[in-house]
PDB file of N, CA and C in Angstrom:
ATOM      1  N   MET A   1       0.846  -1.160   0.011  1.00  0.00           N
ATOM      2  CA  MET A   1       0.031  -0.002  -0.016  1.00  0.00           C
ATOM      3  C   MET A   1       0.875   1.278  -0.008  1.00  0.00           C
ATOM      4  N   ASN A   2       0.538   2.324  -0.780  1.00  0.00           N
ATOM      5  CA  ASN A   2       1.233   3.535  -0.839  1.00  0.00           C
ATOM      6  C   ASN A   2       0.940   4.383   0.375  1.00  0.00           C
ATOM      7  N   GLU A   3       1.963   4.570   1.190  1.00  0.00           N
ATOM      8  CA  GLU A   3       1.759   5.391   2.415  1.00  0.00           C
ATOM      9  C   GLU A   3       1.606   6.846   2.163  1.00  0.00           C
ATOM     10  N   ASN A   4       1.741   7.290   0.910  1.00  0.00           N
ATOM     11  CA  ASN A   4       1.539   8.692   0.547  1.00  0.00           C
ATOM     12  C   ASN A   4       0.103   9.000   0.224  1.00  0.00           C
ATOM     13  N   LEU A   5      -0.700   8.027   0.194  1.00  0.00           N
ATOM     14  CA  LEU A   5      -2.129   8.294  -0.159  1.00  0.00           C
ATOM     15  C   LEU A   5      -2.846   9.049   0.910  1.00  0.00           C
ATOM     16  N   LYS A   6      -3.771   9.924   0.554  1.00  0.00           N
ATOM     17  CA  LYS A   6      -4.567  10.658   1.460  1.00  0.00           C
ATOM     18  C   LYS A   6      -6.038  10.561   1.066  1.00  0.00           C
ATOM     19  N   THR A   7      -6.883  10.666   2.036  1.00  0.00           N
ATOM     20  CA  THR A   7      -8.298  10.733   1.783  1.00  0.00           C
ATOM     21  C   THR A   7      -8.715  12.212   1.733  1.00  0.00           C
ATOM     22  N   ALA A   8      -9.442  12.628   0.706  1.00  0.00           N
ATOM     23  CA  ALA A   8      -9.903  13.956   0.619  1.00  0.00           C
ATOM     24  C   ALA A   8     -11.398  13.976   1.093  1.00  0.00           C
ATOM     25  N   VAL A   9     -11.654  14.984   2.008  1.00  0.00           N
ATOM     26  CA  VAL A   9     -13.004  15.151   2.525  1.00  0.00           C
ATOM     27  C   VAL A   9     -13.463  16.493   1.945  1.00  0.00           C
ATOM     28  N   LEU A  10     -14.484  16.446   1.189  1.00  0.00           N
ATOM     29  CA  LEU A  10     -15.028  17.593   0.460  1.00  0.00           C
ATOM     30  C   LEU A  10     -16.167  18.220   1.326  1.00  0.00           C
ATOM     31  N   LEU A  11     -15.929  19.464   1.791  1.00  0.00           N
ATOM     32  CA  LEU A  11     -16.938  20.177   2.576  1.00  0.00           C
ATOM     33  C   LEU A  11     -17.510  21.248   1.713  1.00  0.00           C
ATOM     34  N   SER A  12     -18.587  21.911   2.184  1.00  0.00           N
ATOM     35  CA  SER A  12     -19.294  22.928   1.416  1.00  0.00           C
ATOM     36  C   SER A  12     -19.891  24.003   2.332  1.00  0.00           C
ATOM     37  N   GLY A  13     -19.065  24.447   3.359  1.00  0.00           N
ATOM     38  CA  GLY A  13     -19.623  25.414   4.287  1.00  0.00           C
ATOM     39  C   GLY A  13     -19.705  24.821   5.613  1.00  0.00           C
ATOM     40  N   CYS A  14     -20.486  25.457   6.512  1.00  0.00           N
ATOM     41  CA  CYS A  14     -20.576  24.972   7.884  1.00  0.00           C
ATOM     42  C   CYS A  14     -21.954  25.199   8.418  1.00  0.00           C
ATOM     43  N   GLY A  15     -22.839  24.212   8.408  1.00  0.00           N
ATOM     44  CA  GLY A  15     -24.145  24.324   8.904  1.00  0.00           C
ATOM     45  C   GLY A  15     -25.137  23.472   8.201  1.00  0.00           C
ATOM     46  N   VAL A  16     -26.034  22.875   8.908  1.00  0.00           N
ATOM     47  CA  VAL A  16     -26.956  21.910   8.340  1.00  0.00           C
ATOM     48  C   VAL A  16     -27.796  22.419   7.226  1.00  0.00           C
ATOM     49  N   PHE A  17     -28.169  23.693   7.250  1.00  0.00           N
ATOM     50  CA  PHE A  17     -29.021  24.248   6.202  1.00  0.00           C
ATOM     51  C   PHE A  17     -28.254  25.051   5.139  1.00  0.00           C
ATOM     52  N   ASP A  18     -27.080  25.367   5.413  1.00  0.00           N
ATOM     53  CA  ASP A  18     -26.312  26.236   4.441  1.00  0.00           C
ATOM     54  C   ASP A  18     -24.887  25.730   4.245  1.00  0.00           C
ATOM     55  N   GLY A  19     -24.612  24.444   4.416  1.00  0.00           N
ATOM     56  CA  GLY A  19     -23.311  23.951   4.166  1.00  0.00           C
ATOM     57  C   GLY A  19     -23.198  22.459   4.673  1.00  0.00           C
ATOM     58  N   SER A  20     -21.966  22.064   4.918  1.00  0.00           N
ATOM     59  CA  SER A  20     -21.758  20.638   5.401  1.00  0.00           C
ATOM     60  C   SER A  20     -22.376  20.505   6.787  1.00  0.00           C
ATOM     61  N   GLU A  21     -23.042  19.413   6.998  1.00  0.00           N
ATOM     62  CA  GLU A  21     -23.619  19.157   8.331  1.00  0.00           C
ATOM     63  C   GLU A  21     -22.502  18.821   9.298  1.00  0.00           C
ATOM     64  N   ILE A  22     -22.443  19.530  10.412  1.00  0.00           N
ATOM     65  CA  ILE A  22     -21.321  19.561  11.320  1.00  0.00           C
ATOM     66  C   ILE A  22     -21.023  18.107  11.920  1.00  0.00           C
ATOM     67  N   HIS A  23     -22.113  17.466  12.469  1.00  0.00           N
ATOM     68  CA  HIS A  23     -21.991  16.219  13.064  1.00  0.00           C
ATOM     69  C   HIS A  23     -21.487  15.151  12.063  1.00  0.00           C
ATOM     70  N   GLU A  24     -22.065  15.136  10.858  1.00  0.00           N
ATOM     71  CA  GLU A  24     -21.599  14.118   9.838  1.00  0.00           C
ATOM     72  C   GLU A  24     -20.166  14.381   9.466  1.00  0.00           C
ATOM     73  N   SER A  25     -19.810  15.656   9.339  1.00  0.00           N
ATOM     74  CA  SER A  25     -18.389  15.963   8.946  1.00  0.00           C
ATOM     75  C   SER A  25     -17.406  15.614  10.000  1.00  0.00           C
ATOM     76  N   VAL A  26     -17.760  15.891  11.240  1.00  0.00           N
ATOM     77  CA  VAL A  26     -16.834  15.602  12.344  1.00  0.00           C
ATOM     78  C   VAL A  26     -16.722  14.137  12.570  1.00  0.00           C
ATOM     79  N   LEU A  27     -17.815  13.444  12.459  1.00  0.00           N
ATOM     80  CA  LEU A  27     -17.699  11.925  12.651  1.00  0.00           C
ATOM     81  C   LEU A  27     -16.967  11.319  11.547  1.00  0.00           C
ATOM     82  N   THR A  28     -17.030  11.848  10.340  1.00  0.00           N
ATOM     83  CA  THR A  28     -16.220  11.277   9.236  1.00  0.00           C
ATOM     84  C   THR A  28     -14.759  11.470   9.518  1.00  0.00           C
ATOM     85  N   LEU A  29     -14.337  12.687   9.989  1.00  0.00           N
ATOM     86  CA  LEU A  29     -12.944  12.964  10.310  1.00  0.00           C
ATOM     87  C   LEU A  29     -12.520  12.141  11.487  1.00  0.00           C
ATOM     88  N   LEU A  30     -13.366  11.910  12.463  1.00  0.00           N
ATOM     89  CA  LEU A  30     -13.021  11.055  13.566  1.00  0.00           C
ATOM     90  C   LEU A  30     -12.764   9.625  13.158  1.00  0.00           C
ATOM     91  N   ALA A  31     -13.668   9.127  12.363  1.00  0.00           N
ATOM     92  CA  ALA A  31     -13.507   7.712  11.839  1.00  0.00           C
ATOM     93  C   ALA A  31     -12.195   7.531  11.046  1.00  0.00           C
ATOM     94  N   LEU A  32     -11.885   8.533  10.254  1.00  0.00           N
ATOM     95  CA  LEU A  32     -10.593   8.477   9.491  1.00  0.00           C
ATOM     96  C   LEU A  32      -9.420   8.484  10.429  1.00  0.00           C
ATOM     97  N   SER A  33      -9.484   9.341  11.408  1.00  0.00           N
ATOM     98  CA  SER A  33      -8.360   9.435  12.411  1.00  0.00           C
ATOM     99  C   SER A  33      -8.197   8.168  13.197  1.00  0.00           C
ATOM    100  N   GLN A  34      -9.363   7.584  13.687  1.00  0.00           N
ATOM    101  CA  GLN A  34      -9.263   6.365  14.516  1.00  0.00           C
ATOM    102  C   GLN A  34      -8.815   5.190  13.697  1.00  0.00           C
ATOM    103  N   ASN A  35      -8.871   5.220  12.331  1.00  0.00           N
ATOM    104  CA  ASN A  35      -8.376   4.165  11.490  1.00  0.00           C
ATOM    105  C   ASN A  35      -7.005   4.530  10.949  1.00  0.00           C
ATOM    106  N   ASN A  36      -6.357   5.525  11.475  1.00  0.00           N
ATOM    107  CA  ASN A  36      -5.023   5.939  11.098  1.00  0.00           C
ATOM    108  C   ASN A  36      -4.888   6.231   9.621  1.00  0.00           C
ATOM    109  N   LEU A  37      -5.962   6.795   9.058  1.00  0.00           N
ATOM    110  CA  LEU A  37      -5.967   7.238   7.648  1.00  0.00           C
ATOM    111  C   LEU A  37      -5.637   8.773   7.569  1.00  0.00           C
ATOM    112  N   ASP A  38      -4.686   9.074   6.727  1.00  0.00           N
ATOM    113  CA  ASP A  38      -4.307  10.435   6.532  1.00  0.00           C
ATOM    114  C   ASP A  38      -5.308  11.160   5.658  1.00  0.00           C
ATOM    115  N   PHE A  39      -5.784  12.365   6.059  1.00  0.00           N
ATOM    116  CA  PHE A  39      -6.758  13.029   5.265  1.00  0.00           C
ATOM    117  C   PHE A  39      -6.541  14.510   5.094  1.00  0.00           C
ATOM    118  N   ILE A  40      -7.138  15.077   4.133  1.00  0.00           N
ATOM    119  CA  ILE A  40      -7.130  16.532   3.996  1.00  0.00           C
ATOM    120  C   ILE A  40      -8.564  16.920   3.767  1.00  0.00           C
ATOM    121  N   CYS A  41      -8.899  18.177   4.078  1.00  0.00           N
ATOM    122  CA  CYS A  41     -10.224  18.696   3.850  1.00  0.00           C
ATOM    123  C   CYS A  41     -10.097  19.759   2.732  1.00  0.00           C
ATOM    124  N   THR A  42     -11.094  19.865   1.960  1.00  0.00           N
ATOM    125  CA  THR A  42     -11.074  20.873   0.933  1.00  0.00           C
ATOM    126  C   THR A  42     -12.520  21.330   0.682  1.00  0.00           C
ATOM    127  N   ALA A  43     -12.681  22.487  -0.036  1.00  0.00           N
ATOM    128  CA  ALA A  43     -14.025  23.024  -0.310  1.00  0.00           C
ATOM    129  C   ALA A  43     -13.875  23.958  -1.431  1.00  0.00           C
ATOM    130  N   PRO A  44     -14.963  24.266  -2.180  1.00  0.00           N
ATOM    131  CA  PRO A  44     -14.904  25.253  -3.205  1.00  0.00           C
ATOM    132  C   PRO A  44     -14.670  26.682  -2.660  1.00  0.00           C
ATOM    133  N   ASP A  45     -13.897  27.458  -3.300  1.00  0.00           N
ATOM    134  CA  ASP A  45     -13.596  28.833  -2.899  1.00  0.00           C
ATOM    135  C   ASP A  45     -14.605  29.751  -3.574  1.00  0.00           C
ATOM    136  N   LEU A  46     -15.853  29.693  -3.080  1.00  0.00           N
ATOM    137  CA  LEU A  46     -16.873  30.599  -3.696  1.00  0.00           C
ATOM    138  C   LEU A  46     -17.926  30.939  -2.626  1.00  0.00           C
ATOM    139  N   ASP A  47     -18.817  31.899  -2.945  1.00  0.00           N
ATOM    140  CA  ASP A  47     -19.775  32.327  -2.004  1.00  0.00           C
ATOM    141  C   ASP A  47     -20.885  31.249  -1.868  1.00  0.00           C
ATOM    142  N   GLN A  48     -21.369  31.040  -0.672  1.00  0.00           N
ATOM    143  CA  GLN A  48     -22.473  30.082  -0.491  1.00  0.00           C
ATOM    144  C   GLN A  48     -23.689  30.651  -1.194  1.00  0.00           C
ATOM    145  N   HIS A  49     -24.598  29.754  -1.558  1.00  0.00           N
ATOM    146  CA  HIS A  49     -25.899  30.144  -2.241  1.00  0.00           C
ATOM    147  C   HIS A  49     -26.708  31.045  -1.367  1.00  0.00           C
ATOM    148  N   HIS A  50     -26.803  30.668  -0.072  1.00  0.00           N
ATOM    149  CA  HIS A  50     -27.503  31.490   0.931  1.00  0.00           C
ATOM    150  C   HIS A  50     -26.934  31.193   2.298  1.00  0.00           C
ATOM    151  N   VAL A  51     -27.244  32.135   3.253  1.00  0.00           N
ATOM    152  CA  VAL A  51     -26.850  31.948   4.633  1.00  0.00           C
ATOM    153  C   VAL A  51     -28.068  31.924   5.481  1.00  0.00           C
ATOM    154  N   ILE A  52     -28.146  30.950   6.412  1.00  0.00           N
ATOM    155  CA  ILE A  52     -29.311  30.728   7.194  1.00  0.00           C
ATOM    156  C   ILE A  52     -29.070  31.123   8.625  1.00  0.00           C
ATOM    157  N   ASN A  53     -30.056  31.810   9.283  1.00  0.00           N
ATOM    158  CA  ASN A  53     -30.019  32.054  10.685  1.00  0.00           C
ATOM    159  C   ASN A  53     -30.526  30.745  11.340  1.00  0.00           C
ATOM    160  N   HIS A  54     -29.684  30.035  12.085  1.00  0.00           N
ATOM    161  CA  HIS A  54     -30.023  28.780  12.658  1.00  0.00           C
ATOM    162  C   HIS A  54     -30.908  28.824  13.880  1.00  0.00           C
ATOM    163  N   VAL A  55     -31.184  30.114  14.344  1.00  0.00           N
ATOM    164  CA  VAL A  55     -32.084  30.273  15.464  1.00  0.00           C
ATOM    165  C   VAL A  55     -33.549  30.218  15.026  1.00  0.00           C
ATOM    166  N   ASN A  56     -33.814  30.977  13.916  1.00  0.00           N
ATOM    167  CA  ASN A  56     -35.231  31.033  13.382  1.00  0.00           C
ATOM    168  C   ASN A  56     -35.424  30.434  12.011  1.00  0.00           C
ATOM    169  N   GLY A  57     -34.407  29.979  11.384  1.00  0.00           N
ATOM    170  CA  GLY A  57     -34.489  29.347  10.032  1.00  0.00           C
ATOM    171  C   GLY A  57     -34.609  30.277   8.899  1.00  0.00           C
ATOM    172  N   ASN A  58     -34.566  31.593   9.084  1.00  0.00           N
ATOM    173  CA  ASN A  58     -34.723  32.599   8.058  1.00  0.00           C
ATOM    174  C   ASN A  58     -33.382  32.751   7.321  1.00  0.00           C
ATOM    175  N   GLU A  59     -33.491  33.103   6.019  1.00  0.00           N
ATOM    176  CA  GLU A  59     -32.293  33.463   5.249  1.00  0.00           C
ATOM    177  C   GLU A  59     -31.843  34.786   5.671  1.00  0.00           C
ATOM    178  N   MET A  60     -30.498  34.912   5.787  1.00  0.00           N
ATOM    179  CA  MET A  60     -29.913  36.165   6.159  1.00  0.00           C
ATOM    180  C   MET A  60     -29.372  36.935   4.957  1.00  0.00           C
ATOM    181  N   ASN A  61     -29.352  38.250   4.966  1.00  0.00           N
ATOM    182  CA  ASN A  61     -28.855  39.054   3.876  1.00  0.00           C
ATOM    183  C   ASN A  61     -27.367  39.295   4.034  1.00  0.00           C
ATOM    184  N   GLU A  62     -26.551  38.251   3.864  1.00  0.00           N
ATOM    185  CA  GLU A  62     -25.104  38.441   3.981  1.00  0.00           C
ATOM    186  C   GLU A  62     -24.520  37.384   3.119  1.00  0.00           C
ATOM    187  N   LYS A  63     -23.206  37.508   2.826  1.00  0.00           N
ATOM    188  CA  LYS A  63     -22.443  36.558   2.032  1.00  0.00           C
ATOM    189  C   LYS A  63     -21.405  35.879   2.949  1.00  0.00           C
ATOM    190  N   ARG A  64     -21.232  34.582   2.695  1.00  0.00           N
ATOM    191  CA  ARG A  64     -20.135  33.817   3.414  1.00  0.00           C
ATOM    192  C   ARG A  64     -19.498  32.951   2.356  1.00  0.00           C
ATOM    193  N   ASN A  65     -18.208  32.757   2.506  1.00  0.00           N
ATOM    194  CA  ASN A  65     -17.459  31.988   1.577  1.00  0.00           C
ATOM    195  C   ASN A  65     -17.432  30.476   2.058  1.00  0.00           C
ATOM    196  N   ALA A  66     -17.755  29.560   1.123  1.00  0.00           N
ATOM    197  CA  ALA A  66     -17.814  28.112   1.481  1.00  0.00           C
ATOM    198  C   ALA A  66     -16.456  27.600   1.985  1.00  0.00           C
ATOM    199  N   PHE A  67     -15.373  28.056   1.378  1.00  0.00           N
ATOM    200  CA  PHE A  67     -14.011  27.656   1.770  1.00  0.00           C
ATOM    201  C   PHE A  67     -13.713  28.123   3.235  1.00  0.00           C
ATOM    202  N   ILE A  68     -13.952  29.384   3.501  1.00  0.00           N
ATOM    203  CA  ILE A  68     -13.667  29.909   4.794  1.00  0.00           C
ATOM    204  C   ILE A  68     -14.607  29.248   5.887  1.00  0.00           C
ATOM    205  N   GLU A  69     -15.821  29.104   5.583  1.00  0.00           N
ATOM    206  CA  GLU A  69     -16.765  28.462   6.492  1.00  0.00           C
ATOM    207  C   GLU A  69     -16.451  27.052   6.783  1.00  0.00           C
ATOM    208  N   SER A  70     -15.997  26.321   5.757  1.00  0.00           N
ATOM    209  CA  SER A  70     -15.651  24.908   5.916  1.00  0.00           C
ATOM    210  C   SER A  70     -14.426  24.758   6.814  1.00  0.00           C
ATOM    211  N   SER A  71     -13.527  25.714   6.781  1.00  0.00           N
ATOM    212  CA  SER A  71     -12.312  25.606   7.590  1.00  0.00           C
ATOM    213  C   SER A  71     -12.637  25.608   9.067  1.00  0.00           C
ATOM    214  N   ARG A  72     -13.823  26.034   9.431  1.00  0.00           N
ATOM    215  CA  ARG A  72     -14.257  25.917  10.913  1.00  0.00           C
ATOM    216  C   ARG A  72     -14.288  24.470  11.336  1.00  0.00           C
ATOM    217  N   ILE A  73     -14.716  23.610  10.424  1.00  0.00           N
ATOM    218  CA  ILE A  73     -14.827  22.221  10.802  1.00  0.00           C
ATOM    219  C   ILE A  73     -13.499  21.520  10.712  1.00  0.00           C
ATOM    220  N   SER A  74     -12.631  21.807   9.840  1.00  0.00           N
ATOM    221  CA  SER A  74     -11.376  21.132   9.669  1.00  0.00           C
ATOM    222  C   SER A  74     -10.313  21.525  10.660  1.00  0.00           C
ATOM    223  N   ARG A  75     -10.464  22.712  11.270  1.00  0.00           N
ATOM    224  CA  ARG A  75      -9.540  23.274  12.310  1.00  0.00           C
ATOM    225  C   ARG A  75      -8.143  23.229  11.807  1.00  0.00           C
ATOM    226  N   GLY A  76      -7.906  23.672  10.589  1.00  0.00           N
ATOM    227  CA  GLY A  76      -6.522  23.867  10.139  1.00  0.00           C
ATOM    228  C   GLY A  76      -6.029  22.824   9.131  1.00  0.00           C
ATOM    229  N   LYS A  77      -6.589  21.689   9.111  1.00  0.00           N
ATOM    230  CA  LYS A  77      -6.157  20.576   8.184  1.00  0.00           C
ATOM    231  C   LYS A  77      -6.931  20.831   6.890  1.00  0.00           C
ATOM    232  N   PHE A  78      -6.569  21.809   6.118  1.00  0.00           N
ATOM    233  CA  PHE A  78      -7.397  22.260   5.005  1.00  0.00           C
ATOM    234  C   PHE A  78      -6.493  22.681   3.808  1.00  0.00           C
ATOM    235  N   VAL A  79      -6.859  22.295   2.635  1.00  0.00           N
ATOM    236  CA  VAL A  79      -6.143  22.588   1.440  1.00  0.00           C
ATOM    237  C   VAL A  79      -7.130  23.146   0.390  1.00  0.00           C
ATOM    238  N   ASN A  80      -6.740  24.159  -0.329  1.00  0.00           N
ATOM    239  CA  ASN A  80      -7.583  24.723  -1.356  1.00  0.00           C
ATOM    240  C   ASN A  80      -7.198  24.151  -2.751  1.00  0.00           C
ATOM    241  N   TYR A  81      -7.780  22.989  -3.114  1.00  0.00           N
ATOM    242  CA  TYR A  81      -7.546  22.440  -4.428  1.00  0.00           C
ATOM    243  C   TYR A  81      -8.591  22.781  -5.437  1.00  0.00           C
ATOM    244  N   LEU A  82      -9.669  23.433  -5.031  1.00  0.00           N
ATOM    245  CA  LEU A  82     -10.803  23.650  -5.853  1.00  0.00           C
ATOM    246  C   LEU A  82     -11.018  25.048  -6.426  1.00  0.00           C
ATOM    247  N   SER A  83      -9.977  25.933  -6.194  1.00  0.00           N
ATOM    248  CA  SER A  83     -10.227  27.298  -6.622  1.00  0.00           C
ATOM    249  C   SER A  83     -10.038  27.456  -8.073  1.00  0.00           C
TER     250      SER A  83
END
């Protein structure tokens, strides 16, 4: 087996209604770590389609970048391959 292989985890923001679902993303990263698999996270470097207020479910009038928001989940283990 090639020890230089890495698993890519594709994220798309941070939040169940406007990006990657946090629990699913973190559990995926945890499972990879527990199985000693090397991984990187990546996301498209573009504005999200919409931003949701998670308290009331309403769309907010602001812009957020999917790459920047996704880096909240990865906590630094992040590469921009998709720009």
